[in-house]
Amino acid sequence: MEIEDDFHELDRLLSSREAAQLVHVTPECIRKWVSRGYLKQATKHKGRSFFRTEDILLVDRNRRKRRTGWAPRS
């Protein structure tokens, strides 16, 4: 049951603010990732962007790897 819950969390859509909180950056950083092509919006609703949790975690992991040469294991 717990593994199934983890999969549902990865499918969850996050706002820019929620995504930023998840990976300890600012919402502005999330917008920069989008403008630089690192991250794609999963959908837009009423002018707000939403992102897949899995995509946010992947971009953050790659960012850490580029900066330090190391990334935490998933």
Protein backbone atom coordinates (compact mmCIF):
# COMPACT_ATOMS: atom_id res chain seq x y z
CA MET A 1 0.00 0.00 0.00
CA GLU A 2 2.81 2.43 0.84
CA ILE A 3 4.53 1.95 -2.54
CA GLU A 4 1.24 2.65 -4.28
CA ASP A 5 0.91 5.90 -2.31
CA ASP A 6 4.41 6.93 -3.42
CA PHE A 7 3.43 6.45 -7.07
CA HIS A 8 0.35 8.60 -6.58
CA GLU A 9 2.50 11.34 -5.05
CA LEU A 10 4.74 11.35 -8.14
CA ASP A 11 1.68 11.80 -10.37
CA ARG A 12 0.42 14.78 -8.35
CA LEU A 13 0.40 18.17 -10.04
CA LEU A 14 2.04 21.04 -8.17
CA SER A 15 1.75 24.81 -8.51
CA SER A 16 4.95 26.82 -8.92
CA ARG A 17 4.90 27.63 -5.22
CA GLU A 18 4.41 24.00 -4.17
CA ALA A 19 7.10 22.84 -6.59
CA ALA A 20 9.52 25.43 -5.22
CA GLN A 21 8.83 24.35 -1.64
CA LEU A 22 9.38 20.71 -2.54
CA VAL A 23 12.95 21.30 -3.77
CA HIS A 24 13.82 24.31 -1.57
CA VAL A 25 14.04 26.97 -4.28
CA THR A 26 11.94 30.06 -5.04
CA PRO A 27 8.96 30.14 -7.40
CA GLU A 28 11.07 32.47 -9.57
CA CYS A 29 13.62 29.66 -9.92
CA ILE A 30 10.87 27.33 -11.15
CA ARG A 31 9.88 29.94 -13.75
CA LYS A 32 13.52 30.20 -14.85
CA TRP A 33 13.71 26.43 -15.28
CA VAL A 34 10.67 26.66 -17.57
CA SER A 35 12.06 29.58 -19.60
CA ARG A 36 15.42 27.81 -20.00
CA GLY A 37 13.71 24.64 -21.18
CA TYR A 38 14.70 22.47 -18.21
CA LEU A 39 11.09 21.97 -17.12
CA LYS A 40 7.79 21.71 -18.98
CA GLN A 41 4.41 22.64 -17.61
CA ALA A 42 2.12 19.65 -17.27
CA THR A 43 -0.92 21.88 -17.70
CA LYS A 44 -2.25 25.38 -17.24
CA HIS A 45 -5.50 26.27 -15.52
CA LYS A 46 -6.87 29.80 -15.21
CA GLY A 47 -3.47 31.23 -16.07
CA ARG A 48 -1.61 29.15 -13.47
CA SER A 49 1.05 26.60 -14.37
CA PHE A 50 1.14 23.15 -12.86
CA PHE A 51 4.00 20.67 -12.88
CA ARG A 52 4.35 16.94 -12.35
CA THR A 53 6.12 16.11 -9.09
CA GLU A 54 8.30 13.60 -10.90
CA ASP A 55 9.50 16.27 -13.36
CA ILE A 56 10.36 18.72 -10.58
CA LEU A 57 12.38 16.09 -8.73
CA LEU A 58 14.23 15.09 -11.90
CA VAL A 59 15.22 18.67 -12.76
CA ASP A 60 16.36 19.27 -9.18
CA ARG A 61 18.41 16.08 -9.17
CA ASN A 62 20.09 17.02 -12.46
CA ARG A 63 20.76 20.53 -11.16
CA ARG A 64 22.46 19.16 -8.06
CA LYS A 65 24.49 16.74 -10.13
CA ARG A 66 25.73 19.53 -12.43
CA ARG A 67 26.60 21.82 -9.53
CA THR A 68 28.35 19.32 -7.28
CA GLY A 69 29.03 16.27 -9.38
CA TRP A 70 26.87 14.38 -6.87
CA ALA A 71 23.15 13.70 -6.52
CA PRO A 72 21.30 11.92 -3.72
CA ARG A 73 20.10 8.42 -4.48
CA SER A 74 16.40 8.06 -5.11
